[in-house]
Amino acid sequence: MAIRAAIYVRISQDRGGAGLGIARQEEDCRALCSRKGWDVVDVYPDNDVSAYSGAPRPKWQELLEDINEGVINAVVCWHVDRLTRSPRELEDVIDLADRHGLELATVSGEIDLATPTGRMIARMLGAAARHEAEHKAERQQRQRRQAAEAGKVAGGGKRPFGYEDDRITVRESEAEIIREGARRVLAGESLASICRDWKGREIVTAAGIPWKPSGLRRMLASARISGRREHTPRRSWESTRPLLGEIVGDAVWPGTISHEDSDRLRALLSDPDRRRTNDGGNRSYLLSGILRCGKPTGEPGKACGWGMVGRPRSGVPRYVCPNTPGTNACGGTAANAERTDDQIRDMVLAAFESPTFMKRLREPDEDGSGLYEKVRADEEELEELAQDYGNQAISRKEWMVARAPIQERLERNRARLAKVSRKAVLLGFVGSYEDMLSRWKKMNDSQRRAVITAAVRSIEVLPANPRKRWDPDRFVIDWIA
């Protein structure tokens, strides 16, 4: 029977994109097929794809399908580690050999999967390849950490926004954009609102594409923009790199924002509560989700409490308690959106002008810089604990017991940081009523929501008084202490 051979070639890294390693493997494999008298049916190249990482290998999957369909009955590769560095995948190859009588030949030595000895050799080579891959990954991770601790520039990829191609020299026109974005986020504006504004102003990323909230979030949360080096290893089970890494030292490049502002940004942008309540969607209603239905339920002292949403009737914008099937929303409260927005604005600005509020706003808080240091120290301690657990220096039970108080302290300090940030929003806004009203009119709805939510927890909307065309007493504000 004629031997229909497939050549499988793979290289895990091809930084230049030339494919020279692939070409050399194919040349040697074709020479081996010629010596054995096998007909080469096709070549299956996976260029710049690692077998160890678990990333998809399109040509490998195509090869397996062709084996199952009987298109080929032999596979030739340069070495068994080109096929796989996973013992599990190697067993799949051995199963294929059993079912289809598959022959396997390697340039580096003969392997006969039809015999126990051949399988043993293949397994030993596969285990050795896996061992070497794991050690290589460990060495590379350590090298990357050492480079980070030394503050060196990380290679690869496009230049970072705000810096020239050397990754060290600040590009001032972009640095000012970074500072603007930082100021606006710290003032409570949503990422989506900033991205929409930048798109209108034709401000683009280093790759020349419009900014998206996810990319802006990652850029502003990066320690790089504050001139610090961050080590962010990605675990084997993680498909994307974590947002925050461990800050391991000062970088060789200058920062575009201060360390304090960077720490505040990192605390805000990694806060899951902020992501749930400030999703940055294109809101057409200022107070959606802030207003709560205050219609009594019939139980003493209990109201509906459902979040009201924007919904027009006959073209007139309104806030309504949504009558959504499967929820506990009563659907019995509604208010004109335009008049409600104006009413809440007037109530909030009047409260801001009061002596009581001004006194509370000027009360000293804990120094923000002290909180930054505490948050960073706890983050580093959690990282060290994880490393101790990974190195089997402590048990899982010991890790969990030690982790709990640190995590609790970290969340408490992050919440206090967020409170400092809320006060900073108001300190930049509060003034005379006329000044605040003037600033309010120049803001977009995202900025206005930031001012309101910095001082207001929620607003209860009571049922309308049928004897009044407009009842300002319907609105009860739950102020943040």
Protein backbone atom coordinates (compact mmCIF):
# COMPACT_ATOMS: atom_id res chain seq x y z
CA MET A 1 0.00 0.00 0.00
CA ALA A 2 1.31 3.43 -0.94
CA ILE A 3 2.27 5.62 1.98
CA ARG A 4 0.53 9.01 1.80
CA ALA A 5 2.55 11.22 4.11
CA ALA A 6 1.74 14.57 5.68
CA ILE A 7 4.51 16.85 6.84
CA TYR A 8 3.72 18.76 10.03
CA VAL A 9 5.98 21.70 10.86
CA ARG A 10 5.70 24.18 13.72
CA ILE A 11 7.67 26.96 15.34
CA SER A 12 6.50 28.61 18.56
CA GLN A 13 8.03 32.06 17.99
CA ASP A 14 8.67 33.78 14.69
CA ARG A 15 9.35 37.36 15.71
CA GLY A 16 10.44 38.48 12.27
CA GLY A 17 7.58 36.74 10.50
CA ALA A 18 9.94 35.19 7.95
CA GLY A 19 9.01 31.58 8.64
CA LEU A 20 12.60 30.41 8.21
CA GLY A 21 12.35 27.78 10.95
CA ILE A 22 9.29 26.32 9.25
CA ALA A 23 11.08 26.22 5.90
CA ARG A 24 14.10 24.40 7.35
CA GLN A 25 11.88 21.78 9.02
CA GLU A 26 9.96 21.18 5.78
CA GLU A 27 13.16 20.75 3.78
CA ASP A 28 14.50 18.10 6.19
CA CYS A 29 11.13 16.32 6.34
CA ARG A 30 10.85 16.16 2.52
CA ALA A 31 14.35 14.67 2.36
CA LEU A 32 13.31 11.98 4.89
CA CYS A 33 10.15 11.16 2.86
CA SER A 34 12.28 10.83 -0.27
CA ARG A 35 14.62 8.37 1.46
CA LYS A 36 11.68 6.29 2.68
CA GLY A 37 9.88 6.38 -0.66
CA TRP A 38 6.78 8.06 0.81
CA ASP A 39 4.54 10.38 -1.23
CA VAL A 40 4.06 13.82 0.34
CA VAL A 41 0.36 14.65 0.16
CA ASP A 42 0.43 18.01 1.93
CA VAL A 43 2.33 20.22 4.37
CA TYR A 44 0.62 21.47 7.56
CA PRO A 45 2.49 24.53 8.92
CA ASP A 46 1.61 26.17 12.25
CA ASN A 47 3.87 29.21 12.35
CA ASP A 48 4.42 31.18 15.58
CA VAL A 49 2.12 28.84 17.56
CA SER A 50 3.18 27.16 20.80
CA ALA A 51 2.13 23.59 21.57
CA TYR A 52 2.79 24.19 25.27
CA SER A 53 0.57 27.25 25.69
CA GLY A 54 -2.61 25.46 24.65
CA ALA A 55 -3.36 28.06 21.97
CA PRO A 56 -5.37 26.79 18.97
CA ARG A 57 -3.28 25.22 16.21
CA PRO A 58 -5.42 25.36 13.05
CA LYS A 59 -3.19 23.16 10.86
CA TRP A 60 -2.81 20.57 13.63
CA GLN A 61 -6.60 20.25 13.82
CA GLU A 62 -6.79 20.00 10.04
CA LEU A 63 -4.15 17.24 10.12
CA LEU A 64 -6.15 15.25 12.67
CA GLU A 65 -9.29 15.55 10.53
CA ASP A 66 -7.44 14.31 7.43
CA ILE A 67 -6.06 11.34 9.38
CA ASN A 68 -9.58 10.42 10.52
CA GLU A 69 -10.89 10.68 6.94
CA GLY A 70 -8.12 8.44 5.60
CA VAL A 71 -6.53 11.11 3.41
CA ILE A 72 -3.10 10.34 4.90
CA ASN A 73 -1.63 7.33 6.67
CA ALA A 74 1.75 8.70 7.80
CA VAL A 75 2.99 11.82 9.55
CA VAL A 76 6.49 13.21 9.28
CA CYS A 77 7.89 15.90 11.56
CA TRP A 78 11.30 17.15 12.58
CA HIS A 79 11.01 15.96 16.21
CA VAL A 80 8.18 14.58 18.32
CA ASP A 81 8.06 17.85 20.28
CA ARG A 82 6.97 19.59 17.05
CA LEU A 83 3.77 17.53 17.23
CA THR A 84 2.98 18.26 20.85
CA ARG A 85 4.44 19.11 24.23
CA SER A 86 1.39 17.74 26.01
CA PRO A 87 1.37 14.07 27.10
CA ARG A 88 -2.41 14.14 26.71
CA GLU A 89 -2.18 15.12 23.03
CA LEU A 90 0.53 12.52 22.46
CA GLU A 91 -1.88 9.84 23.68
CA ASP A 92 -4.37 11.11 21.07
CA VAL A 93 -1.72 10.54 18.40
CA ILE A 94 -1.10 7.01 19.72
CA ASP A 95 -4.87 6.32 19.63
CA LEU A 96 -4.93 7.52 16.01
CA ALA A 97 -2.08 5.14 15.19
CA ASP A 98 -4.10 2.26 16.69
CA ARG A 99 -7.26 3.08 14.76
CA HIS A 100 -5.75 3.98 11.40
CA GLY A 101 -2.39 2.22 11.32
CA LEU A 102 -0.69 5.59 11.29
CA GLU A 103 3.06 5.65 10.78
CA LEU A 104 5.18 8.35 12.37
CA ALA A 105 8.68 9.32 11.29
CA THR A 106 10.90 12.04 12.69
CA VAL A 107 14.03 13.58 11.24
CA SER A 108 15.72 13.32 14.64
CA GLY A 109 15.12 9.57 14.98
CA GLU A 110 12.76 6.70 14.14
CA ILE A 111 9.61 6.20 16.25
CA ASP A 112 7.32 3.25 15.54
CA LEU A 113 3.99 3.80 17.27
CA ALA A 114 2.88 0.29 16.33
CA THR A 115 5.23 -1.25 18.93
CA PRO A 116 5.28 -0.93 22.74
CA THR A 117 8.94 0.09 22.62
CA GLY A 118 8.23 2.81 20.06
CA ARG A 119 5.37 4.14 22.16
CA MET A 120 7.54 4.13 25.25
CA ILE A 121 10.21 6.16 23.42
CA ALA A 122 7.57 8.60 22.13
CA ARG A 123 6.19 9.06 25.64
CA MET A 124 9.65 9.60 27.10
CA LEU A 125 10.46 12.17 24.42
CA GLY A 126 7.11 13.86 24.97
CA ALA A 127 7.62 13.98 28.76
CA ALA A 128 11.11 15.41 28.27
CA ALA A 129 9.74 18.03 25.89
CA ARG A 130 7.04 18.99 28.38
CA HIS A 131 9.64 19.24 31.16
CA GLU A 132 11.84 21.50 29.06
CA ALA A 133 8.86 23.67 28.05
CA GLU A 134 7.85 24.17 31.68
CA HIS A 135 11.40 25.08 32.69
CA LYS A 136 11.68 27.44 29.75
CA ALA A 137 8.42 29.16 30.78
CA GLU A 138 9.69 29.42 34.36
CA ARG A 139 13.00 30.93 33.20
CA GLN A 140 11.24 33.42 30.94
CA GLN A 141 8.87 34.48 33.72
CA ARG A 142 11.80 35.06 36.07
CA GLN A 143 13.67 37.02 33.41
CA ARG A 144 10.61 39.21 32.82
CA ARG A 145 10.29 39.88 36.53
CA GLN A 146 13.98 40.78 36.83
CA ALA A 147 13.61 43.18 33.90
CA ALA A 148 10.56 44.71 35.57
CA GLU A 149 12.34 45.13 38.90
CA ALA A 150 15.17 46.89 37.07
CA GLY A 151 12.64 49.26 35.48
CA LYS A 152 13.61 48.20 31.96
CA VAL A 153 11.47 48.70 28.88
CA ALA A 154 9.36 45.69 27.89
CA GLY A 155 9.90 44.74 24.26
CA GLY A 156 7.40 43.74 21.60
CA GLY A 157 4.18 45.23 20.36
CA LYS A 158 3.34 48.77 19.32
CA ARG A 159 4.65 51.82 21.09
CA PRO A 160 2.65 52.79 24.19
CA PHE A 161 0.38 55.82 23.91
CA GLY A 162 2.11 58.91 25.26
CA TYR A 163 5.64 57.80 24.32
CA GLU A 164 7.83 57.74 21.23
CA ASP A 165 9.02 54.58 19.47
CA ASP A 166 11.88 54.20 21.96
CA ARG A 167 9.21 53.80 24.70
CA ILE A 168 11.10 56.23 26.92
CA THR A 169 10.73 59.71 25.41
CA VAL A 170 7.41 61.37 26.27
CA ARG A 171 5.27 62.47 23.32
CA GLU A 172 3.86 65.60 24.92
CA SER A 173 0.78 65.95 22.68
CA GLU A 174 -0.39 62.49 23.77
CA ALA A 175 0.78 62.94 27.37
CA GLU A 176 -1.64 65.86 27.71
CA ILE A 177 -4.44 63.60 26.48
CA ILE A 178 -3.50 61.04 29.17
CA ARG A 179 -3.61 63.75 31.83
CA GLU A 180 -6.99 64.93 30.54
CA GLY A 181 -8.39 61.39 30.65
CA ALA A 182 -7.06 60.91 34.19
CA ARG A 183 -8.64 64.15 35.39
CA ARG A 184 -12.01 63.29 33.86
CA VAL A 185 -12.11 59.75 35.28
CA LEU A 186 -11.08 60.99 38.73
CA ALA A 187 -13.90 63.54 38.44
CA GLY A 188 -16.30 60.63 37.99
CA GLU A 189 -16.92 60.77 34.24
CA SER A 190 -17.53 57.45 32.50
CA LEU A 191 -14.97 55.93 30.15
CA ALA A 192 -17.56 55.68 27.38
CA SER A 193 -18.34 59.40 27.65
CA ILE A 194 -14.65 60.27 27.31
CA CYS A 195 -14.27 57.93 24.34
CA ARG A 196 -17.25 59.51 22.57
CA ASP A 197 -15.77 62.96 23.12
CA TRP A 198 -12.35 61.88 21.86
CA LYS A 199 -13.88 60.26 18.81
CA GLY A 200 -15.57 63.56 17.93
CA ARG A 201 -12.21 65.31 18.36
CA GLU A 202 -10.45 62.62 16.25
CA ILE A 203 -8.16 61.57 19.11
CA VAL A 204 -6.94 58.04 18.36
CA THR A 205 -4.77 55.37 19.97
CA ALA A 206 -1.12 54.69 19.12
CA ALA A 207 -2.44 52.18 16.56
CA GLY A 208 -4.46 54.92 14.89
CA ILE A 209 -7.93 53.63 15.85
CA PRO A 210 -10.66 55.31 17.96
CA TRP A 211 -10.50 54.75 21.71
CA LYS A 212 -12.80 52.17 23.29
CA PRO A 213 -13.68 52.06 27.02
CA SER A 214 -11.81 48.77 27.56
CA GLY A 215 -8.61 50.14 26.02
CA LEU A 216 -8.86 53.45 27.86
CA ARG A 217 -9.45 51.62 31.14
CA ARG A 218 -6.36 49.47 30.66
CA MET A 219 -4.19 52.45 29.66
CA LEU A 220 -5.24 54.62 32.61
CA ALA A 221 -4.90 51.71 35.07
CA SER A 222 -1.37 50.98 33.87
CA ALA A 223 1.46 51.97 36.21
CA ARG A 224 3.53 52.85 33.12
CA ILE A 225 1.91 56.28 32.73
CA SER A 226 3.18 57.22 36.21
CA GLY A 227 6.77 56.19 35.39
CA ARG A 228 6.66 52.93 37.33
CA ARG A 229 7.35 49.36 36.23
CA GLU A 230 4.61 46.82 36.67
CA HIS A 231 4.92 43.03 36.61
CA THR A 232 1.71 41.37 35.43
CA PRO A 233 2.19 37.64 34.93
CA ARG A 234 -0.65 35.76 33.31
CA ARG A 235 -1.55 32.41 34.81
CA SER A 236 -1.93 29.42 32.49
CA TRP A 237 -5.70 29.35 32.96
CA GLU A 238 -6.19 33.05 32.21
CA SER A 239 -7.15 34.01 28.66
CA THR A 240 -6.37 37.70 29.20
CA ARG A 241 -3.81 39.51 31.29
CA PRO A 242 -5.14 40.89 34.62
CA LEU A 243 -5.86 44.62 34.70
CA LEU A 244 -3.49 45.34 37.58
CA GLY A 245 -0.05 43.91 38.18
CA GLU A 246 2.42 44.30 40.99
CA ILE A 247 4.34 47.60 40.96
CA VAL A 248 7.95 46.49 41.42
CA GLY A 249 9.94 49.70 41.01
CA ASP A 250 10.54 52.99 39.22
CA ALA A 251 10.93 52.79 35.46
CA VAL A 252 13.68 54.20 33.25
CA TRP A 253 11.08 56.42 31.52
CA PRO A 254 9.40 59.50 33.05
CA GLY A 255 5.75 59.47 34.07
CA THR A 256 3.00 61.61 32.57
CA ILE A 257 0.88 61.68 35.76
CA SER A 258 1.76 61.55 39.47
CA HIS A 259 2.04 58.36 41.52
CA GLU A 260 -0.87 59.50 43.69
CA ASP A 261 -3.21 60.06 40.72
CA SER A 262 -2.14 56.72 39.27
CA ASP A 263 -2.95 54.91 42.52
CA ARG A 264 -6.35 56.59 42.69
CA LEU A 265 -7.07 55.57 39.09
CA ARG A 266 -6.02 51.99 39.74
CA ALA A 267 -8.28 51.82 42.80
CA LEU A 268 -11.25 53.30 40.92
CA LEU A 269 -10.89 51.33 37.69
CA SER A 270 -10.43 47.99 39.44
CA ASP A 271 -13.42 48.51 41.74
CA PRO A 272 -16.14 46.01 40.67
CA ASP A 273 -18.86 48.21 42.20
CA ARG A 274 -17.86 51.08 39.91
CA ARG A 275 -18.10 48.83 36.85
CA ARG A 276 -21.60 47.70 37.85
CA THR A 277 -22.95 51.19 38.57
CA ASN A 278 -20.98 53.20 36.00
CA ASP A 279 -21.08 51.05 32.90
CA GLY A 280 -20.59 54.10 30.73
CA GLY A 281 -23.45 53.32 28.39
CA ASN A 282 -24.86 56.05 26.18
CA ARG A 283 -27.52 57.14 28.69
CA SER A 284 -30.32 59.34 27.43
CA TYR A 285 -31.77 59.74 30.94
CA LEU A 286 -29.69 61.47 33.61
CA LEU A 287 -31.18 59.76 36.67
CA SER A 288 -31.77 56.21 35.44
CA GLY A 289 -30.97 53.79 38.26
CA ILE A 290 -30.61 56.60 40.82
CA LEU A 291 -34.36 57.09 41.19
CA ARG A 292 -36.22 54.47 43.23
CA CYS A 293 -39.95 53.82 43.18
CA GLY A 294 -41.50 54.93 46.50
CA LYS A 295 -45.00 53.53 46.01
CA PRO A 296 -46.17 51.70 49.18
CA THR A 297 -46.53 47.93 48.83
CA GLY A 298 -49.23 47.48 51.44
CA GLU A 299 -46.82 46.24 54.09
CA PRO A 300 -46.25 48.81 56.86
CA GLY A 301 -43.26 51.03 56.12
CA LYS A 302 -42.28 49.17 52.93
CA ALA A 303 -42.11 50.70 49.44
CA CYS A 304 -41.55 49.12 46.02
CA GLY A 305 -37.91 50.32 45.90
CA TRP A 306 -37.37 49.28 42.28
CA GLY A 307 -34.94 51.28 40.15
CA MET A 308 -36.76 53.62 37.76
CA VAL A 309 -35.76 53.77 34.10
CA GLY A 310 -36.26 56.18 31.23
CA ARG A 311 -39.22 55.40 28.98
CA PRO A 312 -41.13 57.91 26.82
CA ARG A 313 -44.90 58.09 26.38
CA SER A 314 -46.32 59.86 23.33
CA GLY A 315 -42.83 61.19 22.67
CA VAL A 316 -42.49 62.76 26.14
CA PRO A 317 -39.49 61.42 28.15
CA ARG A 318 -40.49 59.98 31.54
CA TYR A 319 -39.00 58.03 34.41
CA VAL A 320 -41.09 54.96 35.22
CA CYS A 321 -41.07 52.00 37.55
CA PRO A 322 -40.89 49.28 34.86
CA ASN A 323 -43.74 46.77 34.86
CA THR A 324 -41.42 43.94 33.84
CA PRO A 325 -42.76 40.37 34.08
CA GLY A 326 -40.87 38.18 36.52
CA THR A 327 -39.73 41.08 38.72
CA ASN A 328 -41.11 42.72 41.85
CA ALA A 329 -41.39 46.13 40.17
CA CYS A 330 -44.88 47.56 40.75
CA GLY A 331 -45.04 49.61 37.55
CA GLY A 332 -47.16 52.22 39.35
CA THR A 333 -44.89 55.30 39.52
CA ALA A 334 -43.89 57.74 36.76
CA ALA A 335 -42.49 61.28 36.51
CA ASN A 336 -41.76 63.73 33.71
CA ALA A 337 -38.03 63.34 32.97
CA GLU A 338 -37.19 66.96 32.09
CA ARG A 339 -38.92 68.45 35.13
CA THR A 340 -37.47 65.73 37.39
CA ASP A 341 -33.93 66.42 36.17
CA ASP A 342 -34.36 70.15 36.84
CA GLN A 343 -35.91 69.51 40.26
CA ILE A 344 -33.12 67.21 41.41
CA ARG A 345 -30.50 69.59 40.05
CA ASP A 346 -31.99 72.46 42.06
CA MET A 347 -32.24 70.34 45.23
CA VAL A 348 -28.65 69.13 44.93
CA LEU A 349 -27.17 72.56 44.17
CA ALA A 350 -29.14 74.13 47.01
CA ALA A 351 -27.80 71.49 49.40
CA PHE A 352 -24.25 72.04 48.18
CA GLU A 353 -24.58 75.77 48.96
CA SER A 354 -25.78 75.17 52.53
CA PRO A 355 -23.35 75.86 55.43
CA THR A 356 -23.95 72.36 56.83
CA PHE A 357 -22.85 70.66 53.63
CA MET A 358 -19.88 73.00 53.17
CA LYS A 359 -18.71 72.23 56.71
CA ARG A 360 -19.00 68.48 56.11
CA LEU A 361 -17.17 68.77 52.79
CA ARG A 362 -14.27 70.62 54.40
CA GLU A 363 -13.90 68.18 57.29
CA PRO A 364 -10.44 66.61 57.08
CA ASP A 365 -10.21 63.07 55.76
CA GLU A 366 -7.37 60.64 56.16
CA ASP A 367 -4.52 61.71 53.93
CA GLY A 368 -5.03 60.03 50.57
CA SER A 369 -1.34 59.25 50.13
CA GLY A 370 -1.40 57.14 53.29
CA LEU A 371 -4.26 55.10 51.85
CA TYR A 372 -2.38 54.62 48.57
CA GLU A 373 0.56 53.13 50.42
CA LYS A 374 -1.68 50.85 52.48
CA VAL A 375 -3.49 49.56 49.38
CA ARG A 376 -0.22 48.90 47.57
CA ALA A 377 1.30 47.15 50.61
CA ASP A 378 -1.72 44.84 50.91
CA GLU A 379 -1.64 44.05 47.18
CA GLU A 380 2.03 43.11 47.45
CA GLU A 381 1.36 40.97 50.53
CA LEU A 382 -1.38 39.05 48.69
CA GLU A 383 1.01 38.49 45.77
CA GLU A 384 3.68 37.12 48.12
CA LEU A 385 1.14 34.82 49.76
CA ALA A 386 0.10 33.49 46.37
CA GLN A 387 3.74 32.82 45.50
CA ASP A 388 4.27 30.98 48.81
CA TYR A 389 1.23 28.83 48.09
CA GLY A 390 2.39 28.19 44.51
CA ASN A 391 5.83 27.18 45.77
CA GLN A 392 4.19 24.88 48.37
CA ALA A 393 5.76 26.82 51.22
CA ILE A 394 2.31 27.01 52.84
CA SER A 395 -0.82 24.86 52.59
CA ARG A 396 -4.09 25.97 51.02
CA LYS A 397 -5.66 26.25 54.48
CA GLU A 398 -2.80 28.46 55.68
CA TRP A 399 -3.10 30.57 52.53
CA MET A 400 -6.86 31.08 53.02
CA VAL A 401 -6.50 31.94 56.72
CA ALA A 402 -3.72 34.47 56.04
CA ARG A 403 -5.47 35.92 52.98
CA ALA A 404 -8.83 36.73 54.63
CA PRO A 405 -7.77 39.65 56.90
CA ILE A 406 -5.55 41.15 54.18
CA GLN A 407 -8.36 41.02 51.62
CA GLU A 408 -10.82 42.56 54.10
CA ARG A 409 -8.38 45.36 54.92
CA LEU A 410 -7.67 45.93 51.21
CA GLU A 411 -11.37 46.25 50.33
CA ARG A 412 -11.93 48.62 53.27
CA ASN A 413 -9.06 50.88 52.20
CA ARG A 414 -10.17 50.83 48.57
CA ALA A 415 -13.63 51.96 49.70
CA ARG A 416 -12.02 54.78 51.69
CA LEU A 417 -9.99 55.74 48.63
CA ALA A 418 -13.20 55.91 46.61
CA LYS A 419 -14.68 58.20 49.28
CA VAL A 420 -11.67 60.50 49.01
CA SER A 421 -12.17 60.54 45.24
CA ARG A 422 -15.88 61.43 45.61
CA LYS A 423 -15.00 64.33 47.86
CA ALA A 424 -12.41 65.48 45.31
CA VAL A 425 -15.16 65.58 42.67
CA LEU A 426 -17.29 67.88 44.85
CA LEU A 427 -14.41 70.08 45.98
CA GLY A 428 -13.82 70.96 42.34
CA PHE A 429 -17.51 71.72 41.77
CA VAL A 430 -19.01 73.34 44.86
CA GLY A 431 -19.22 77.12 45.01
CA SER A 432 -21.95 79.75 44.85
CA TYR A 433 -25.26 78.65 43.36
CA GLU A 434 -24.70 80.75 40.24
CA ASP A 435 -21.19 79.32 39.71
CA MET A 436 -22.41 75.74 40.18
CA LEU A 437 -25.33 76.29 37.80
CA SER A 438 -22.97 77.71 35.18
CA ARG A 439 -20.64 74.72 35.51
CA TRP A 440 -23.60 72.33 35.44
CA LYS A 441 -24.83 73.70 32.09
CA LYS A 442 -21.41 73.08 30.52
CA MET A 443 -21.27 69.44 31.69
CA ASN A 444 -22.42 66.35 29.85
CA ASP A 445 -24.78 63.89 31.56
CA SER A 446 -21.94 61.57 32.59
CA GLN A 447 -20.23 64.43 34.44
CA ARG A 448 -23.52 65.50 36.01
CA ARG A 449 -24.16 61.93 37.23
CA ALA A 450 -20.69 61.94 38.79
CA VAL A 451 -21.55 65.05 40.81
CA ILE A 452 -24.90 63.64 41.93
CA THR A 453 -23.61 60.18 42.86
CA ALA A 454 -20.71 61.73 44.79
CA ALA A 455 -23.26 63.03 47.31
CA VAL A 456 -26.44 61.03 46.74
CA ARG A 457 -26.99 57.35 47.45
CA SER A 458 -30.47 57.17 45.90
CA ILE A 459 -33.62 59.26 45.39
CA GLU A 460 -37.04 57.92 46.31
CA VAL A 461 -39.95 59.03 44.09
CA LEU A 462 -43.26 59.02 45.96
CA PRO A 463 -46.61 58.64 44.18
CA ALA A 464 -47.89 61.82 42.53
CA ASN A 465 -50.41 64.03 44.33
CA PRO A 466 -53.46 64.05 42.02
CA ARG A 467 -54.40 67.57 43.20
CA LYS A 468 -51.06 69.04 42.03
CA ARG A 469 -49.88 69.43 38.45
CA TRP A 470 -46.27 69.20 39.69
CA ASP A 471 -45.29 68.08 43.19
CA PRO A 472 -41.65 68.79 44.18
CA ASP A 473 -42.24 67.09 47.55
CA ARG A 474 -42.36 63.70 45.78
CA PHE A 475 -38.57 63.42 45.82
CA VAL A 476 -36.75 62.23 48.94
CA ILE A 477 -32.94 62.20 48.69
CA ASP A 478 -30.81 59.69 50.62
CA TRP A 479 -27.59 61.65 51.08
CA ILE A 480 -24.21 59.98 51.50
CA ALA A 481 -22.94 60.85 54.97
